[in-house]
Protein backbone atom coordinates (compact mmCIF):
# COMPACT_ATOMS: atom_id res chain seq x y z
CA MET A 1 -76.38 42.99 -71.11
CA ARG A 2 -76.02 46.68 -71.85
CA ALA A 3 -72.36 47.53 -72.47
CA VAL A 4 -70.69 50.14 -70.26
CA GLN A 5 -70.47 53.46 -72.11
CA ARG A 6 -67.54 55.85 -72.19
CA SER A 7 -69.74 58.56 -70.67
CA GLN A 8 -70.13 56.44 -67.52
CA ILE A 9 -66.39 56.29 -66.80
CA LEU A 10 -65.37 58.87 -64.21
CA ASP A 11 -62.03 60.62 -64.24
CA ARG A 12 -59.53 59.27 -61.71
CA ALA A 13 -59.77 62.22 -59.32
CA ARG A 14 -63.55 62.05 -59.05
CA TYR A 15 -63.57 58.29 -58.69
CA GLU A 16 -60.89 58.37 -55.99
CA ARG A 17 -62.93 60.68 -53.77
CA THR A 18 -65.80 58.23 -53.43
CA ARG A 19 -64.10 54.92 -54.21
CA SER A 20 -64.94 53.46 -50.80
CA PHE A 21 -68.63 53.89 -51.56
CA SER A 22 -68.27 52.16 -54.93
CA GLN A 23 -66.47 49.23 -53.34
CA ALA A 24 -69.24 48.69 -50.79
CA ALA A 25 -72.03 48.99 -53.37
CA VAL A 26 -70.41 46.77 -55.98
CA LEU A 27 -69.28 44.12 -53.50
CA GLU A 28 -72.92 43.67 -52.51
CA ILE A 29 -73.89 43.28 -56.17
CA LYS A 30 -71.06 40.77 -56.66
CA ARG A 31 -72.04 38.81 -53.55
CA LYS A 32 -75.43 37.97 -55.05
CA ARG A 33 -73.77 36.72 -58.23
CA ARG A 34 -71.03 34.55 -56.70
CA VAL A 35 -71.71 30.80 -56.68
CA HIS A 36 -69.42 28.18 -55.13
CA VAL A 37 -69.56 24.65 -56.57
CA GLY A 38 -67.71 21.89 -54.78
CA GLU A 39 -64.47 22.67 -52.99
CA CYS A 40 -62.62 24.66 -55.64
CA LEU A 41 -64.93 26.10 -58.32
CA THR A 42 -66.31 29.63 -58.03
CA PHE A 43 -68.57 31.23 -60.64
CA LEU A 44 -68.64 35.04 -60.71
CA PHE A 45 -71.46 36.32 -62.90
CA GLU A 46 -70.86 39.73 -64.47
CA ASN A 47 -73.23 42.56 -65.25
CA SER A 48 -72.92 46.17 -66.32
CA THR A 49 -72.19 47.36 -62.79
CA THR A 50 -69.45 44.86 -62.01
CA ILE A 51 -67.81 45.56 -65.37
CA TRP A 52 -68.04 49.33 -64.78
CA TYR A 53 -66.28 48.86 -61.45
CA GLN A 54 -63.51 46.72 -62.94
CA ILE A 55 -62.85 49.33 -65.63
CA GLN A 56 -62.72 52.11 -63.05
CA GLU A 57 -60.33 50.11 -60.90
CA MET A 58 -58.08 49.41 -63.89
CA VAL A 59 -58.05 53.08 -64.89
CA ARG A 60 -57.12 53.95 -61.31
CA ALA A 61 -54.45 51.26 -60.83
CA GLU A 62 -52.76 51.83 -64.20
CA ARG A 63 -53.28 55.61 -64.10
CA ILE A 64 -54.86 55.45 -67.54
CA GLU A 65 -55.65 58.80 -69.13
CA ARG A 66 -55.26 58.43 -72.90
CA GLU A 67 -58.62 58.12 -74.61
CA ASP A 68 -57.50 55.20 -76.77
CA ASP A 69 -56.40 53.28 -73.68
CA ILE A 70 -59.73 53.87 -71.93
CA GLU A 71 -61.60 52.68 -75.02
CA HIS A 72 -59.41 49.57 -75.05
CA GLU A 73 -60.38 48.77 -71.46
CA LEU A 74 -64.05 49.28 -72.32
CA ALA A 75 -63.83 46.87 -75.24
CA THR A 76 -61.89 44.28 -73.24
CA TYR A 77 -64.20 44.18 -70.24
CA ASN A 78 -67.48 44.64 -72.13
CA ALA A 79 -66.61 41.47 -74.04
CA LEU A 80 -67.23 39.52 -70.81
CA LEU A 81 -70.91 40.51 -70.78
CA GLY A 82 -73.57 38.24 -72.22
CA GLY A 83 -75.98 39.38 -74.92
CA PRO A 84 -79.76 38.82 -75.03
CA GLY A 85 -80.63 35.53 -73.35
CA GLN A 86 -77.07 35.08 -72.10
CA LEU A 87 -75.22 35.23 -68.80
CA GLY A 88 -71.48 35.90 -68.82
CA CYS A 89 -69.33 34.71 -65.97
CA VAL A 90 -65.79 34.10 -64.81
CA LEU A 91 -65.00 30.63 -63.51
CA LEU A 92 -62.19 30.52 -60.95
CA ILE A 93 -60.41 27.26 -60.16
CA GLU A 94 -59.27 27.97 -56.62
CA ILE A 95 -56.52 25.68 -55.31
CA ASP A 96 -54.05 27.22 -52.86
CA ASP A 97 -51.20 24.73 -53.24
CA PRO A 98 -49.21 25.69 -56.39
CA ALA A 99 -48.02 22.15 -57.16
CA LEU A 100 -51.49 20.67 -56.75
CA ARG A 101 -53.03 23.50 -58.75
CA ASP A 102 -50.63 22.92 -61.64
CA ARG A 103 -51.39 19.19 -61.65
CA ARG A 104 -55.15 19.72 -61.56
CA LEU A 105 -55.06 22.29 -64.37
CA ARG A 106 -53.41 19.64 -66.51
CA GLU A 107 -55.75 16.85 -65.43
CA TRP A 108 -58.84 19.02 -65.79
CA ARG A 109 -58.10 20.40 -69.24
CA ALA A 110 -61.58 19.29 -70.39
CA LEU A 111 -63.32 20.91 -67.39
CA PRO A 112 -65.18 23.72 -69.23
CA ALA A 113 -67.03 21.14 -71.35
CA TYR A 114 -68.35 19.52 -68.17
CA VAL A 115 -69.75 22.68 -66.57
CA TYR A 116 -73.51 23.20 -66.81
CA MET A 117 -76.44 25.28 -65.65
CA ARG A 118 -79.73 23.56 -64.88
CA CYS A 119 -82.85 25.61 -65.63
CA GLU A 120 -86.54 25.51 -64.80
CA GLY A 121 -88.21 22.72 -66.72
CA GLY A 122 -85.13 20.51 -66.51
CA ALA A 123 -83.06 21.92 -69.39
CA THR A 124 -79.30 21.62 -68.96
CA VAL A 125 -77.19 24.31 -70.65
CA ARG A 126 -73.46 24.04 -71.36
CA PRO A 127 -71.50 27.28 -71.77
CA THR A 128 -69.40 28.55 -74.63
CA VAL A 129 -65.76 28.98 -73.64
CA ASP A 130 -62.95 31.39 -74.49
CA PRO A 131 -60.50 29.10 -76.32
CA ALA A 132 -57.59 31.38 -75.43
CA GLN A 133 -57.82 30.09 -71.85
CA ILE A 134 -57.00 26.51 -72.88
CA ASP A 135 -53.82 25.26 -74.53
CA GLU A 136 -52.63 21.81 -75.56
CA ARG A 137 -51.42 20.88 -72.08
CA ARG A 138 -53.60 22.63 -69.52
CA ILE A 139 -56.31 25.15 -68.84
CA SER A 140 -56.05 28.52 -67.16
CA ALA A 141 -57.22 28.85 -63.55
CA VAL A 142 -59.51 31.62 -64.87
CA GLN A 143 -62.11 30.70 -67.48
CA TYR A 144 -64.50 33.07 -69.30
CA LEU A 145 -67.87 31.44 -69.96
CA LYS A 146 -71.20 32.43 -71.48
CA PHE A 147 -74.40 30.52 -70.82
CA HIS A 148 -76.94 30.85 -73.65
CA LEU A 149 -80.24 30.44 -71.81
CA ASP A 150 -82.73 32.16 -74.13
CA ASP A 151 -85.96 31.94 -72.09
CA GLY A 152 -84.53 29.57 -69.48
CA ARG A 153 -84.35 30.54 -65.81
CA PRO A 154 -81.39 29.18 -63.82
CA LEU A 155 -81.91 26.89 -60.85
CA SER A 156 -78.48 25.39 -60.20
CA ILE A 157 -74.89 25.27 -61.44
CA GLY A 158 -72.78 22.16 -61.52
CA CYS A 159 -69.91 20.15 -62.90
CA ASP A 160 -70.01 16.51 -64.00
CA LEU A 161 -66.33 16.00 -64.78
CA PRO A 162 -65.37 12.58 -63.31
CA GLY A 163 -63.62 13.19 -60.02
CA LEU A 164 -65.04 16.70 -59.73
CA ILE A 165 -68.79 16.08 -59.62
CA ALA A 166 -70.75 18.70 -57.69
CA GLU A 167 -73.86 20.85 -58.03
CA THR A 168 -75.05 23.93 -56.15
CA THR A 169 -78.71 24.93 -55.99
CA LEU A 170 -79.02 28.68 -56.34
CA THR A 171 -80.56 30.61 -53.47
CA ARG A 172 -83.63 32.74 -54.10
CA GLU A 173 -81.42 35.83 -53.92
CA GLN A 174 -79.03 34.42 -56.52
CA ARG A 175 -81.86 33.38 -58.85
CA ASP A 176 -83.46 36.81 -58.59
CA ALA A 177 -80.15 38.54 -59.35
CA LEU A 178 -79.43 36.39 -62.42
CA ASN A 179 -83.00 36.72 -63.68
CA ASP A 180 -82.68 40.51 -63.33
CA ASP A 181 -79.55 40.32 -65.48
CA LEU A 182 -81.33 38.23 -68.11
CA ARG A 183 -84.20 40.73 -68.25
CA ALA A 184 -81.76 43.59 -68.59
CA ALA A 185 -79.94 41.85 -71.43
CA GLY A 186 -83.18 41.34 -73.34
CA GLU A 187 -84.66 44.82 -73.00
CA PRO A 188 -84.77 46.97 -76.16
CA PRO A 189 -82.41 49.96 -76.43
CA HIS A 190 -85.08 52.53 -75.47
CA VAL A 191 -85.72 50.78 -72.13
CA ALA A 192 -83.26 51.44 -69.32
CA PRO A 193 -82.11 47.97 -68.14
CA THR A 194 -82.43 46.97 -64.50
CA VAL A 195 -78.73 46.35 -64.04
CA GLY A 196 -77.91 49.49 -65.99
CA LYS A 197 -79.89 51.36 -63.37
CA ASP A 198 -77.54 49.95 -60.74
CA THR A 199 -74.61 51.40 -62.65
CA GLN A 200 -76.40 54.70 -63.17
CA HIS A 201 -77.22 54.83 -59.46
CA VAL A 202 -73.57 54.34 -58.48
CA VAL A 203 -72.39 56.95 -60.99
CA ALA A 204 -75.14 59.39 -59.95
CA LEU A 205 -74.10 59.15 -56.31
CA HIS A 206 -70.52 59.84 -57.34
CA GLN A 207 -71.72 62.95 -59.15
CA GLU A 208 -73.87 64.07 -56.21
CA ARG A 209 -71.01 63.73 -53.74
CA HIS A 210 -68.67 65.48 -56.15
CA ASP A 211 -71.10 68.41 -56.49
CA ASN A 212 -71.63 68.61 -52.72
CA HIS A 213 -67.87 68.63 -52.22
CA ARG A 214 -67.52 71.56 -54.62
CA ARG A 215 -70.24 73.55 -52.82
CA ARG A 216 -68.46 73.39 -49.48
CA PRO A 217 -66.88 76.70 -48.44
């Protein structure tokens, strides 16, 4: 996946003026990349546009202005993106009851090793995991995963941890979105990636609205 560039990050004032548009556009992109498995697992697949939005929101919320701090946010969030043949995602373990959630996070410490993606042709792919999200006693309710698919095309996502066995078949819309992301990740530098175009489109509309605002008497 093409990393978000510093030149794509808008200053806070410009972003604020059209933030409502960004929210609507990015939420639609996120919707296609959100997959629920069983009663409490949600996979949120990231691409250049969703990462761009998260950086902009962080810059806004924390009122970040120093260049070094912006670069730090870029490095932090870009690390969630997959490279060629990869899909990066956030796995959320969603349990409302705090006591039950704490118990499950201890019982399910091995959960990331039991997550999988099933691809066309029957291949089953296990993700790599951020070890910082797991300690000796429990796992975090937020896990950062990367599925290394190479030429595989995803069909379903599941979990085969005993007591938490479930699998969700991806919809056509979800498959198309993830396949678009895989194509974008594998395109050479001189080719504008599909997902990158989404980001460029959002930024371009920001610029257009900003320019129209300035032209008003």
